Amino acid sequence: MTARVDFLDLPGQRRRARELAFYGWLAAAALLGSLLAGLLTLRLHLHTRDLLAANALLDGQLRSLAPQVQASNALRTDITQLEKRNTTLRQLEQQRSQAAHLLRGLAMASDSGIRLQRVTLRDGRAELSGQAPAMQAIQDYAGALSGAGLEGAVLHDLHADLQPDAKDNYAFRLAIPLAPAGTGTRR
């Protein structure tokens, strides 16, 4: 903008002309600012309206999917329970095969005067409790168990009753590690 100075006008008139030009530019800037603010407000209003419409649509879709979500959660719970049951059944199957293997081995072992009182399956091993007339009979029985496929019999507990009139002088407890199902030897 070039300044036009007219020396024929009085200084008050020149100042008044400058003030009017300033106020004109100020009004134009205010009008332009108001127009920009109005456009931004309109755009914000339209955007907010679109967001509210999208939220209403999503809310409606969520409400229509709520029964399916509940059914899905119920199915997940059922799947978890069935997996637990399946794990339990596998463990029972393994214990059954271990019990069958143990009983087959016990039947094959010679008794040599051994009287079994209790056979227990516990944590992948079998515990045999019984009485024997002599220590050698317990050792022979452990060897017979190894020969029958039940290897690794370990004597855990031994009580000797040294009274001469007692028929079975030794109470014992043997522990035999059992192989997992499918890995044991079959005879």
N, C-alpha and C. Protein backbone atom coordinates (compact mmCIF):
# COMPACT_ATOMS: atom_id res chain seq x y z
N MET A 1 0.84 -1.16 0.00
CA MET A 1 0.00 0.00 0.00
C MET A 1 0.89 1.24 0.00
N THR A 2 0.61 2.10 -0.85
CA THR A 2 1.40 3.33 -0.94
C THR A 2 0.67 4.43 -0.18
N ALA A 3 1.43 5.19 0.50
CA ALA A 3 0.84 6.28 1.27
C ALA A 3 0.64 7.49 0.35
N ARG A 4 -0.52 7.99 0.40
CA ARG A 4 -0.81 9.18 -0.39
C ARG A 4 -0.90 10.35 0.58
N VAL A 5 -0.03 11.23 0.39
CA VAL A 5 -0.02 12.39 1.27
C VAL A 5 -0.47 13.61 0.44
N ASP A 6 -1.50 14.19 0.92
CA ASP A 6 -2.01 15.39 0.26
C ASP A 6 -1.80 16.55 1.22
N PHE A 7 -0.90 17.39 0.84
CA PHE A 7 -0.57 18.49 1.74
C PHE A 7 -1.62 19.60 1.72
N LEU A 8 -2.63 19.47 0.85
CA LEU A 8 -3.67 20.47 0.83
C LEU A 8 -4.67 20.24 1.96
N ASP A 9 -4.74 18.99 2.46
CA ASP A 9 -5.65 18.68 3.55
C ASP A 9 -4.99 19.09 4.86
N LEU A 10 -5.83 19.40 5.76
CA LEU A 10 -5.34 19.77 7.08
C LEU A 10 -4.88 18.52 7.83
N PRO A 11 -3.99 18.67 8.80
CA PRO A 11 -3.51 17.49 9.53
C PRO A 11 -4.64 16.73 10.19
N GLY A 12 -5.65 17.32 10.68
CA GLY A 12 -6.78 16.63 11.30
C GLY A 12 -7.55 15.81 10.29
N GLN A 13 -7.68 16.39 9.04
CA GLN A 13 -8.38 15.65 7.99
C GLN A 13 -7.56 14.43 7.55
N ARG A 14 -6.22 14.63 7.48
CA ARG A 14 -5.36 13.49 7.11
C ARG A 14 -5.45 12.39 8.17
N ARG A 15 -5.42 12.79 9.43
CA ARG A 15 -5.53 11.81 10.53
C ARG A 15 -6.87 11.12 10.48
N ARG A 16 -7.94 11.87 10.21
CA ARG A 16 -9.28 11.29 10.13
C ARG A 16 -9.36 10.32 8.96
N ALA A 17 -8.72 10.64 7.86
CA ALA A 17 -8.72 9.75 6.69
C ALA A 17 -7.96 8.46 7.02
N ARG A 18 -6.84 8.61 7.72
CA ARG A 18 -6.08 7.41 8.13
C ARG A 18 -6.90 6.56 9.09
N GLU A 19 -7.59 7.17 10.02
CA GLU A 19 -8.42 6.42 10.97
C GLU A 19 -9.54 5.69 10.23
N LEU A 20 -10.18 6.37 9.27
CA LEU A 20 -11.25 5.72 8.51
C LEU A 20 -10.72 4.54 7.70
N ALA A 21 -9.53 4.69 7.11
CA ALA A 21 -8.92 3.59 6.36
C ALA A 21 -8.59 2.44 7.32
N PHE A 22 -8.06 2.76 8.50
CA PHE A 22 -7.74 1.73 9.49
C PHE A 22 -9.00 1.00 9.93
N TYR A 23 -10.06 1.78 10.22
CA TYR A 23 -11.32 1.15 10.64
C TYR A 23 -11.93 0.31 9.52
N GLY A 24 -11.77 0.71 8.29
CA GLY A 24 -12.25 -0.07 7.15
C GLY A 24 -11.51 -1.41 7.05
N TRP A 25 -10.18 -1.35 7.17
CA TRP A 25 -9.40 -2.60 7.14
C TRP A 25 -9.71 -3.47 8.36
N LEU A 26 -9.91 -2.81 9.51
CA LEU A 26 -10.25 -3.57 10.73
C LEU A 26 -11.60 -4.25 10.56
N ALA A 27 -12.57 -3.57 9.98
CA ALA A 27 -13.89 -4.17 9.76
C ALA A 27 -13.79 -5.33 8.77
N ALA A 28 -12.97 -5.15 7.72
CA ALA A 28 -12.80 -6.22 6.73
C ALA A 28 -12.14 -7.44 7.39
N ALA A 29 -11.13 -7.21 8.22
CA ALA A 29 -10.45 -8.32 8.91
C ALA A 29 -11.39 -9.00 9.89
N ALA A 30 -12.19 -8.20 10.61
CA ALA A 30 -13.15 -8.79 11.55
C ALA A 30 -14.20 -9.61 10.80
N LEU A 31 -14.67 -9.09 9.66
CA LEU A 31 -15.64 -9.82 8.85
C LEU A 31 -15.04 -11.11 8.32
N LEU A 32 -13.79 -11.04 7.85
CA LEU A 32 -13.12 -12.23 7.34
C LEU A 32 -12.90 -13.24 8.47
N GLY A 33 -12.49 -12.78 9.65
CA GLY A 33 -12.30 -13.66 10.81
C GLY A 33 -13.61 -14.31 11.23
N SER A 34 -14.69 -13.51 11.24
CA SER A 34 -16.01 -14.06 11.59
C SER A 34 -16.45 -15.10 10.58
N LEU A 35 -16.16 -14.83 9.30
CA LEU A 35 -16.51 -15.78 8.25
C LEU A 35 -15.74 -17.09 8.43
N LEU A 36 -14.44 -16.99 8.70
CA LEU A 36 -13.63 -18.20 8.94
C LEU A 36 -14.11 -18.95 10.18
N ALA A 37 -14.41 -18.22 11.24
CA ALA A 37 -14.90 -18.86 12.47
C ALA A 37 -16.25 -19.52 12.21
N GLY A 38 -17.10 -18.88 11.44
CA GLY A 38 -18.39 -19.47 11.10
C GLY A 38 -18.23 -20.74 10.28
N LEU A 39 -17.29 -20.72 9.30
CA LEU A 39 -17.04 -21.92 8.50
C LEU A 39 -16.51 -23.07 9.36
N LEU A 40 -15.60 -22.75 10.26
CA LEU A 40 -15.07 -23.77 11.16
C LEU A 40 -16.16 -24.32 12.08
N THR A 41 -17.02 -23.43 12.56
CA THR A 41 -18.12 -23.87 13.42
C THR A 41 -19.08 -24.76 12.64
N LEU A 42 -19.38 -24.38 11.40
CA LEU A 42 -20.25 -25.20 10.57
C LEU A 42 -19.63 -26.57 10.31
N ARG A 43 -18.34 -26.59 9.99
CA ARG A 43 -17.66 -27.86 9.75
C ARG A 43 -17.65 -28.72 11.01
N LEU A 44 -17.39 -28.10 12.15
CA LEU A 44 -17.40 -28.82 13.43
C LEU A 44 -18.80 -29.37 13.73
N HIS A 45 -19.80 -28.58 13.47
CA HIS A 45 -21.18 -29.03 13.69
C HIS A 45 -21.51 -30.22 12.79
N LEU A 46 -21.14 -30.14 11.51
CA LEU A 46 -21.41 -31.25 10.58
C LEU A 46 -20.62 -32.50 10.98
N HIS A 47 -19.38 -32.30 11.38
CA HIS A 47 -18.55 -33.43 11.81
C HIS A 47 -19.12 -34.09 13.07
N THR A 48 -19.56 -33.27 14.02
CA THR A 48 -20.16 -33.79 15.25
C THR A 48 -21.44 -34.54 14.94
N ARG A 49 -22.25 -34.01 14.03
CA ARG A 49 -23.48 -34.69 13.64
C ARG A 49 -23.18 -36.05 13.01
N ASP A 50 -22.15 -36.10 12.14
CA ASP A 50 -21.76 -37.38 11.53
C ASP A 50 -21.25 -38.36 12.57
N LEU A 51 -20.48 -37.86 13.53
CA LEU A 51 -19.99 -38.74 14.60
C LEU A 51 -21.13 -39.28 15.46
N LEU A 52 -22.09 -38.45 15.76
CA LEU A 52 -23.24 -38.91 16.53
C LEU A 52 -24.04 -39.95 15.76
N ALA A 53 -24.18 -39.75 14.46
CA ALA A 53 -24.89 -40.74 13.64
C ALA A 53 -24.11 -42.06 13.60
N ALA A 54 -22.78 -41.96 13.47
CA ALA A 54 -21.95 -43.18 13.46
C ALA A 54 -22.02 -43.89 14.81
N ASN A 55 -21.99 -43.13 15.89
CA ASN A 55 -22.09 -43.73 17.24
C ASN A 55 -23.45 -44.41 17.43
N ALA A 56 -24.50 -43.78 16.93
CA ALA A 56 -25.83 -44.40 17.04
C ALA A 56 -25.88 -45.69 16.24
N LEU A 57 -25.28 -45.70 15.05
CA LEU A 57 -25.23 -46.91 14.23
C LEU A 57 -24.44 -48.01 14.94
N LEU A 58 -23.28 -47.65 15.48
CA LEU A 58 -22.47 -48.64 16.21
C LEU A 58 -23.19 -49.16 17.44
N ASP A 59 -23.86 -48.27 18.15
CA ASP A 59 -24.61 -48.69 19.34
C ASP A 59 -25.71 -49.68 18.95
N GLY A 60 -26.40 -49.41 17.85
CA GLY A 60 -27.44 -50.33 17.38
C GLY A 60 -26.84 -51.68 16.99
N GLN A 61 -25.69 -51.65 16.33
CA GLN A 61 -25.03 -52.90 15.94
C GLN A 61 -24.58 -53.69 17.17
N LEU A 62 -24.04 -52.98 18.16
CA LEU A 62 -23.62 -53.65 19.40
C LEU A 62 -24.80 -54.29 20.11
N ARG A 63 -25.92 -53.60 20.14
CA ARG A 63 -27.11 -54.17 20.77
C ARG A 63 -27.59 -55.41 20.01
N SER A 64 -27.50 -55.36 18.69
CA SER A 64 -27.95 -56.53 17.92
C SER A 64 -26.97 -57.70 18.06
N LEU A 65 -25.70 -57.40 18.36
CA LEU A 65 -24.70 -58.47 18.52
C LEU A 65 -24.58 -58.97 19.96
N ALA A 66 -25.24 -58.33 20.90
CA ALA A 66 -25.12 -58.71 22.32
C ALA A 66 -25.49 -60.18 22.56
N PRO A 67 -26.58 -60.71 21.98
CA PRO A 67 -26.87 -62.14 22.21
C PRO A 67 -25.78 -63.05 21.65
N GLN A 68 -25.19 -62.66 20.53
CA GLN A 68 -24.11 -63.47 19.96
C GLN A 68 -22.87 -63.43 20.84
N VAL A 69 -22.59 -62.27 21.42
CA VAL A 69 -21.44 -62.16 22.33
C VAL A 69 -21.67 -63.04 23.56
N GLN A 70 -22.89 -63.02 24.09
CA GLN A 70 -23.19 -63.87 25.25
C GLN A 70 -23.08 -65.34 24.88
N ALA A 71 -23.56 -65.70 23.72
CA ALA A 71 -23.46 -67.10 23.26
C ALA A 71 -22.00 -67.48 23.08
N SER A 72 -21.20 -66.56 22.55
CA SER A 72 -19.77 -66.83 22.36
C SER A 72 -19.07 -67.02 23.70
N ASN A 73 -19.41 -66.18 24.68
CA ASN A 73 -18.82 -66.33 26.02
C ASN A 73 -19.24 -67.66 26.65
N ALA A 74 -20.50 -68.04 26.46
CA ALA A 74 -20.96 -69.32 27.00
C ALA A 74 -20.22 -70.47 26.33
N LEU A 75 -20.01 -70.37 25.03
CA LEU A 75 -19.28 -71.42 24.32
C LEU A 75 -17.82 -71.50 24.77
N ARG A 76 -17.21 -70.34 25.02
CA ARG A 76 -15.83 -70.35 25.53
C ARG A 76 -15.76 -71.03 26.89
N THR A 77 -16.74 -70.76 27.73
CA THR A 77 -16.79 -71.42 29.04
C THR A 77 -16.96 -72.92 28.87
N ASP A 78 -17.85 -73.33 27.97
CA ASP A 78 -18.05 -74.76 27.71
C ASP A 78 -16.77 -75.41 27.17
N ILE A 79 -16.08 -74.71 26.29
CA ILE A 79 -14.83 -75.25 25.73
C ILE A 79 -13.80 -75.44 26.83
N THR A 80 -13.69 -74.46 27.73
CA THR A 80 -12.74 -74.57 28.83
C THR A 80 -13.08 -75.76 29.72
N GLN A 81 -14.36 -75.94 30.03
CA GLN A 81 -14.77 -77.07 30.86
C GLN A 81 -14.52 -78.39 30.16
N LEU A 82 -14.78 -78.44 28.85
CA LEU A 82 -14.54 -79.67 28.10
C LEU A 82 -13.05 -79.99 28.00
N GLU A 83 -12.22 -78.95 27.89
CA GLU A 83 -10.76 -79.19 27.86
C GLU A 83 -10.29 -79.74 29.20
N LYS A 84 -10.83 -79.20 30.30
CA LYS A 84 -10.46 -79.73 31.62
C LYS A 84 -10.91 -81.18 31.76
N ARG A 85 -12.12 -81.45 31.29
CA ARG A 85 -12.65 -82.82 31.37
C ARG A 85 -11.81 -83.77 30.51
N ASN A 86 -11.42 -83.30 29.33
CA ASN A 86 -10.59 -84.10 28.43
C ASN A 86 -9.24 -84.41 29.08
N THR A 87 -8.65 -83.41 29.74
CA THR A 87 -7.38 -83.62 30.44
C THR A 87 -7.55 -84.65 31.55
N THR A 88 -8.64 -84.53 32.28
CA THR A 88 -8.91 -85.50 33.36
C THR A 88 -9.09 -86.90 32.80
N LEU A 89 -9.82 -87.01 31.70
CA LEU A 89 -10.03 -88.33 31.08
C LEU A 89 -8.73 -88.92 30.56
N ARG A 90 -7.85 -88.09 30.01
CA ARG A 90 -6.55 -88.59 29.57
C ARG A 90 -5.73 -89.10 30.74
N GLN A 91 -5.78 -88.36 31.85
CA GLN A 91 -5.05 -88.81 33.04
C GLN A 91 -5.62 -90.13 33.54
N LEU A 92 -6.95 -90.25 33.54
CA LEU A 92 -7.57 -91.51 33.98
C LEU A 92 -7.21 -92.66 33.04
N GLU A 93 -7.17 -92.37 31.75
CA GLU A 93 -6.78 -93.40 30.78
C GLU A 93 -5.35 -93.86 31.03
N GLN A 94 -4.48 -92.90 31.31
CA GLN A 94 -3.08 -93.23 31.61
C GLN A 94 -3.00 -94.06 32.89
N GLN A 95 -3.76 -93.69 33.90
CA GLN A 95 -3.75 -94.45 35.15
C GLN A 95 -4.31 -95.86 34.94
N ARG A 96 -5.32 -95.99 34.09
CA ARG A 96 -5.88 -97.32 33.82
C ARG A 96 -4.84 -98.22 33.14
N SER A 97 -4.14 -97.66 32.16
CA SER A 97 -3.15 -98.48 31.48
C SER A 97 -1.98 -98.80 32.42
N GLN A 98 -1.63 -97.84 33.29
CA GLN A 98 -0.58 -98.13 34.27
C GLN A 98 -1.04 -99.21 35.25
N ALA A 99 -2.31 -99.14 35.67
CA ALA A 99 -2.84 -100.15 36.59
C ALA A 99 -2.85 -101.52 35.93
N ALA A 100 -3.25 -101.57 34.66
CA ALA A 100 -3.25 -102.85 33.96
C ALA A 100 -1.84 -103.40 33.82
N HIS A 101 -0.90 -102.54 33.51
CA HIS A 101 0.50 -102.96 33.40
C HIS A 101 1.01 -103.45 34.75
N LEU A 102 0.65 -102.74 35.81
CA LEU A 102 1.09 -103.13 37.15
C LEU A 102 0.49 -104.48 37.54
N LEU A 103 -0.80 -104.64 37.32
CA LEU A 103 -1.44 -105.91 37.70
C LEU A 103 -0.88 -107.08 36.88
N ARG A 104 -0.61 -106.84 35.60
CA ARG A 104 -0.01 -107.88 34.77
C ARG A 104 1.36 -108.26 35.32
N GLY A 105 2.15 -107.25 35.72
CA GLY A 105 3.48 -107.52 36.27
C GLY A 105 3.41 -108.23 37.61
N LEU A 106 2.44 -107.83 38.45
CA LEU A 106 2.30 -108.47 39.76
C LEU A 106 1.88 -109.94 39.61
N ALA A 107 1.04 -110.19 38.61
CA ALA A 107 0.60 -111.57 38.39
C ALA A 107 1.75 -112.44 37.87
N MET A 108 2.65 -111.82 37.10
CA MET A 108 3.77 -112.57 36.55
C MET A 108 4.88 -112.83 37.57
N ALA A 109 4.98 -111.96 38.57
CA ALA A 109 6.04 -112.12 39.58
C ALA A 109 5.69 -113.29 40.49
N SER A 110 6.70 -114.04 40.83
CA SER A 110 6.46 -115.16 41.76
C SER A 110 6.26 -114.59 43.15
N ASP A 111 5.39 -115.23 43.91
CA ASP A 111 5.06 -114.61 45.20
C ASP A 111 6.10 -114.95 46.27
N SER A 112 6.74 -116.05 46.20
CA SER A 112 7.79 -116.47 47.15
C SER A 112 7.45 -116.12 48.60
N GLY A 113 6.24 -116.37 48.99
CA GLY A 113 5.83 -116.15 50.38
C GLY A 113 5.44 -114.72 50.69
N ILE A 114 5.39 -113.88 49.71
CA ILE A 114 5.03 -112.47 49.92
C ILE A 114 3.51 -112.38 50.00
N ARG A 115 3.04 -111.61 50.98
CA ARG A 115 1.62 -111.34 51.11
C ARG A 115 1.41 -109.83 50.94
N LEU A 116 0.80 -109.44 49.82
CA LEU A 116 0.53 -108.02 49.58
C LEU A 116 -0.74 -107.62 50.31
N GLN A 117 -0.68 -106.46 50.95
CA GLN A 117 -1.84 -105.94 51.66
C GLN A 117 -2.47 -104.75 50.94
N ARG A 118 -1.63 -103.97 50.25
CA ARG A 118 -2.16 -102.78 49.60
C ARG A 118 -1.31 -102.47 48.36
N VAL A 119 -2.00 -102.12 47.27
CA VAL A 119 -1.36 -101.65 46.04
C VAL A 119 -1.98 -100.29 45.73
N THR A 120 -1.13 -99.27 45.63
CA THR A 120 -1.61 -97.90 45.42
C THR A 120 -0.89 -97.27 44.24
N LEU A 121 -1.66 -96.61 43.37
CA LEU A 121 -1.09 -95.80 42.29
C LEU A 121 -1.07 -94.35 42.75
N ARG A 122 0.11 -93.72 42.72
CA ARG A 122 0.22 -92.36 43.22
C ARG A 122 1.33 -91.63 42.46
N ASP A 123 0.98 -90.55 41.77
CA ASP A 123 1.96 -89.67 41.11
C ASP A 123 2.91 -90.42 40.19
N GLY A 124 2.40 -91.28 39.35
CA GLY A 124 3.23 -91.98 38.38
C GLY A 124 4.08 -93.10 38.95
N ARG A 125 3.73 -93.54 40.11
CA ARG A 125 4.45 -94.67 40.70
C ARG A 125 3.45 -95.55 41.45
N ALA A 126 3.85 -96.80 41.64
CA ALA A 126 3.01 -97.74 42.39
C ALA A 126 3.68 -98.01 43.72
N GLU A 127 2.88 -98.10 44.75
CA GLU A 127 3.38 -98.44 46.08
C GLU A 127 2.76 -99.76 46.51
N LEU A 128 3.61 -100.71 46.85
CA LEU A 128 3.17 -102.03 47.28
C LEU A 128 3.49 -102.16 48.76
N SER A 129 2.49 -102.49 49.55
CA SER A 129 2.70 -102.74 50.99
C SER A 129 2.36 -104.20 51.27
N GLY A 130 3.17 -104.83 52.07
CA GLY A 130 2.90 -106.23 52.37
C GLY A 130 3.81 -106.76 53.47
N GLN A 131 3.77 -108.09 53.59
CA GLN A 131 4.59 -108.75 54.61
C GLN A 131 5.31 -109.91 53.95
N ALA A 132 6.49 -110.21 54.52
CA ALA A 132 7.31 -111.30 53.98
C ALA A 132 7.94 -112.07 55.14
N PRO A 133 8.22 -113.36 54.91
CA PRO A 133 8.82 -114.15 55.97
C PRO A 133 10.30 -113.83 56.18
N ALA A 134 10.99 -113.32 55.13
CA ALA A 134 12.43 -113.05 55.27
C ALA A 134 12.81 -111.90 54.35
N MET A 135 13.95 -111.30 54.64
CA MET A 135 14.46 -110.20 53.82
C MET A 135 14.78 -110.70 52.41
N GLN A 136 15.30 -111.91 52.30
CA GLN A 136 15.64 -112.49 51.00
C GLN A 136 14.38 -112.63 50.13
N ALA A 137 13.23 -112.89 50.71
CA ALA A 137 11.99 -113.02 49.95
C ALA A 137 11.61 -111.67 49.35
N ILE A 138 11.86 -110.58 50.07
CA ILE A 138 11.56 -109.24 49.54
C ILE A 138 12.49 -108.93 48.37
N GLN A 139 13.77 -109.29 48.51
CA GLN A 139 14.73 -109.06 47.43
C GLN A 139 14.38 -109.90 46.20
N ASP A 140 13.99 -111.15 46.43
CA ASP A 140 13.60 -112.00 45.32
C ASP A 140 12.34 -111.46 44.63
N TYR A 141 11.44 -110.95 45.41
CA TYR A 141 10.20 -110.39 44.86
C TYR A 141 10.50 -109.16 44.00
N ALA A 142 11.42 -108.29 44.47
CA ALA A 142 11.81 -107.11 43.69
C ALA A 142 12.46 -107.55 42.37
N GLY A 143 13.27 -108.60 42.42
CA GLY A 143 13.87 -109.12 41.18
C GLY A 143 12.81 -109.70 40.25
N ALA A 144 11.83 -110.40 40.80
CA ALA A 144 10.75 -110.96 39.98
C ALA A 144 9.92 -109.85 39.36
N LEU A 145 9.72 -108.76 40.07
CA LEU A 145 8.98 -107.61 39.51
C LEU A 145 9.75 -107.02 38.33
N SER A 146 11.06 -106.91 38.47
CA SER A 146 11.88 -106.40 37.37
C SER A 146 11.79 -107.33 36.17
N GLY A 147 11.80 -108.62 36.43
CA GLY A 147 11.67 -109.58 35.35
C GLY A 147 10.31 -109.53 34.68
N ALA A 148 9.30 -109.08 35.40
CA ALA A 148 7.94 -108.99 34.85
C ALA A 148 7.68 -107.65 34.17
N GLY A 149 8.71 -106.82 34.04
CA GLY A 149 8.54 -105.53 33.35
C GLY A 149 8.33 -104.35 34.27
N LEU A 150 8.37 -104.57 35.57
CA LEU A 150 8.20 -103.47 36.54
C LEU A 150 9.56 -103.16 37.14
N GLU A 151 10.39 -102.50 36.37
CA GLU A 151 11.77 -102.24 36.78
C GLU A 151 11.84 -101.02 37.68
N GLY A 152 12.87 -101.01 38.51
CA GLY A 152 13.13 -99.85 39.37
C GLY A 152 12.46 -99.91 40.72
N ALA A 153 12.09 -101.12 41.20
CA ALA A 153 11.44 -101.23 42.51
C ALA A 153 12.44 -100.83 43.59
N VAL A 154 12.01 -99.94 44.46
CA VAL A 154 12.87 -99.43 45.53
C VAL A 154 12.17 -99.67 46.86
N LEU A 155 12.92 -100.19 47.82
CA LEU A 155 12.37 -100.44 49.15
C LEU A 155 12.32 -99.10 49.89
N HIS A 156 11.10 -98.72 50.28
CA HIS A 156 10.93 -97.43 50.97
C HIS A 156 10.82 -97.59 52.48
N ASP A 157 10.26 -98.68 52.90
CA ASP A 157 10.01 -98.82 54.33
C ASP A 157 10.14 -100.30 54.68
N LEU A 158 10.78 -100.59 55.81
CA LEU A 158 10.95 -101.97 56.25
C LEU A 158 10.87 -102.00 57.77
N HIS A 159 9.98 -102.84 58.29
CA HIS A 159 9.85 -103.04 59.73
C HIS A 159 10.06 -104.51 60.01
N ALA A 160 10.94 -104.78 60.94
CA ALA A 160 11.23 -106.18 61.30
C ALA A 160 10.60 -106.50 62.64
N ASP A 161 9.86 -107.59 62.68
CA ASP A 161 9.29 -108.11 63.93
C ASP A 161 10.09 -109.37 64.25
N LEU A 162 10.97 -109.29 65.20
CA LEU A 162 11.93 -110.37 65.46
C LEU A 162 11.42 -111.39 66.47
N GLN A 163 10.14 -111.49 66.67
CA GLN A 163 9.61 -112.52 67.57
C GLN A 163 9.66 -113.87 66.85
N PRO A 164 10.14 -114.89 67.49
CA PRO A 164 10.34 -116.17 66.81
C PRO A 164 9.04 -116.85 66.39
N ASP A 165 7.93 -116.57 67.06
CA ASP A 165 6.68 -117.25 66.70
C ASP A 165 5.89 -116.53 65.60
N ALA A 166 6.36 -115.34 65.14
CA ALA A 166 5.66 -114.60 64.08
C ALA A 166 5.93 -115.26 62.74
N LYS A 167 4.87 -115.43 61.97
CA LYS A 167 4.99 -116.08 60.66
C LYS A 167 5.67 -115.15 59.65
N ASP A 168 5.15 -113.90 59.53
CA ASP A 168 5.73 -112.92 58.62
C ASP A 168 6.47 -111.89 59.47
N ASN A 169 7.80 -111.98 59.43
CA ASN A 169 8.62 -111.14 60.31
C ASN A 169 8.88 -109.74 59.74
N TYR A 170 8.65 -109.51 58.46
CA TYR A 170 9.00 -108.23 57.85
C TYR A 170 7.79 -107.59 57.17
N ALA A 171 7.52 -106.35 57.56
CA ALA A 171 6.51 -105.53 56.88
C ALA A 171 7.29 -104.55 55.99
N PHE A 172 6.91 -104.46 54.74
CA PHE A 172 7.68 -103.66 53.80
C PHE A 172 6.76 -102.78 52.95
N ARG A 173 7.41 -101.80 52.29
CA ARG A 173 6.72 -100.97 51.31
C ARG A 173 7.69 -100.72 50.16
N LEU A 174 7.29 -101.14 48.96
CA LEU A 174 8.10 -100.96 47.75
C LEU A 174 7.46 -99.87 46.89
N ALA A 175 8.31 -99.08 46.24
CA ALA A 175 7.82 -98.08 45.28
C ALA A 175 8.38 -98.44 43.91
N ILE A 176 7.49 -98.46 42.92
CA ILE A 176 7.88 -98.81 41.55
C ILE A 176 7.49 -97.64 40.64
N PRO A 177 8.46 -97.04 39.94
CA PRO A 177 8.10 -95.98 38.99
C PRO A 177 7.39 -96.60 37.79
N LEU A 178 6.31 -95.96 37.37
CA LEU A 178 5.55 -96.46 36.22
C LEU A 178 5.82 -95.56 35.03
N ALA A 179 6.01 -96.19 33.90
CA ALA A 179 6.23 -95.43 32.66
C ALA A 179 4.90 -94.83 32.20
N PRO A 180 4.91 -93.66 31.54
CA PRO A 180 3.66 -93.11 31.02
C PRO A 180 3.01 -94.08 30.05
N ALA A 181 1.72 -93.89 29.83
CA ALA A 181 0.95 -94.79 28.97
C ALA A 181 1.57 -94.84 27.58
N GLY A 182 1.64 -96.04 27.05
CA GLY A 182 2.15 -96.22 25.70
C GLY A 182 3.64 -96.48 25.65
N THR A 183 4.40 -96.21 26.75
CA THR A 183 5.83 -96.42 26.71
C THR A 183 6.25 -97.64 27.49
N GLY A 184 5.31 -98.23 28.22
CA GLY A 184 5.64 -99.42 29.00
C GLY A 184 5.78 -100.64 28.10
N THR A 185 6.54 -101.63 28.57
CA THR A 185 6.72 -102.84 27.79
C THR A 185 5.55 -103.77 28.05
N ARG A 186 5.08 -104.45 27.02
CA ARG A 186 3.98 -105.40 27.17
C ARG A 186 4.49 -106.77 26.89
N ARG A 187 4.05 -107.71 27.71
CA ARG A 187 4.48 -109.10 27.54
C ARG A 187 3.28 -109.99 27.47
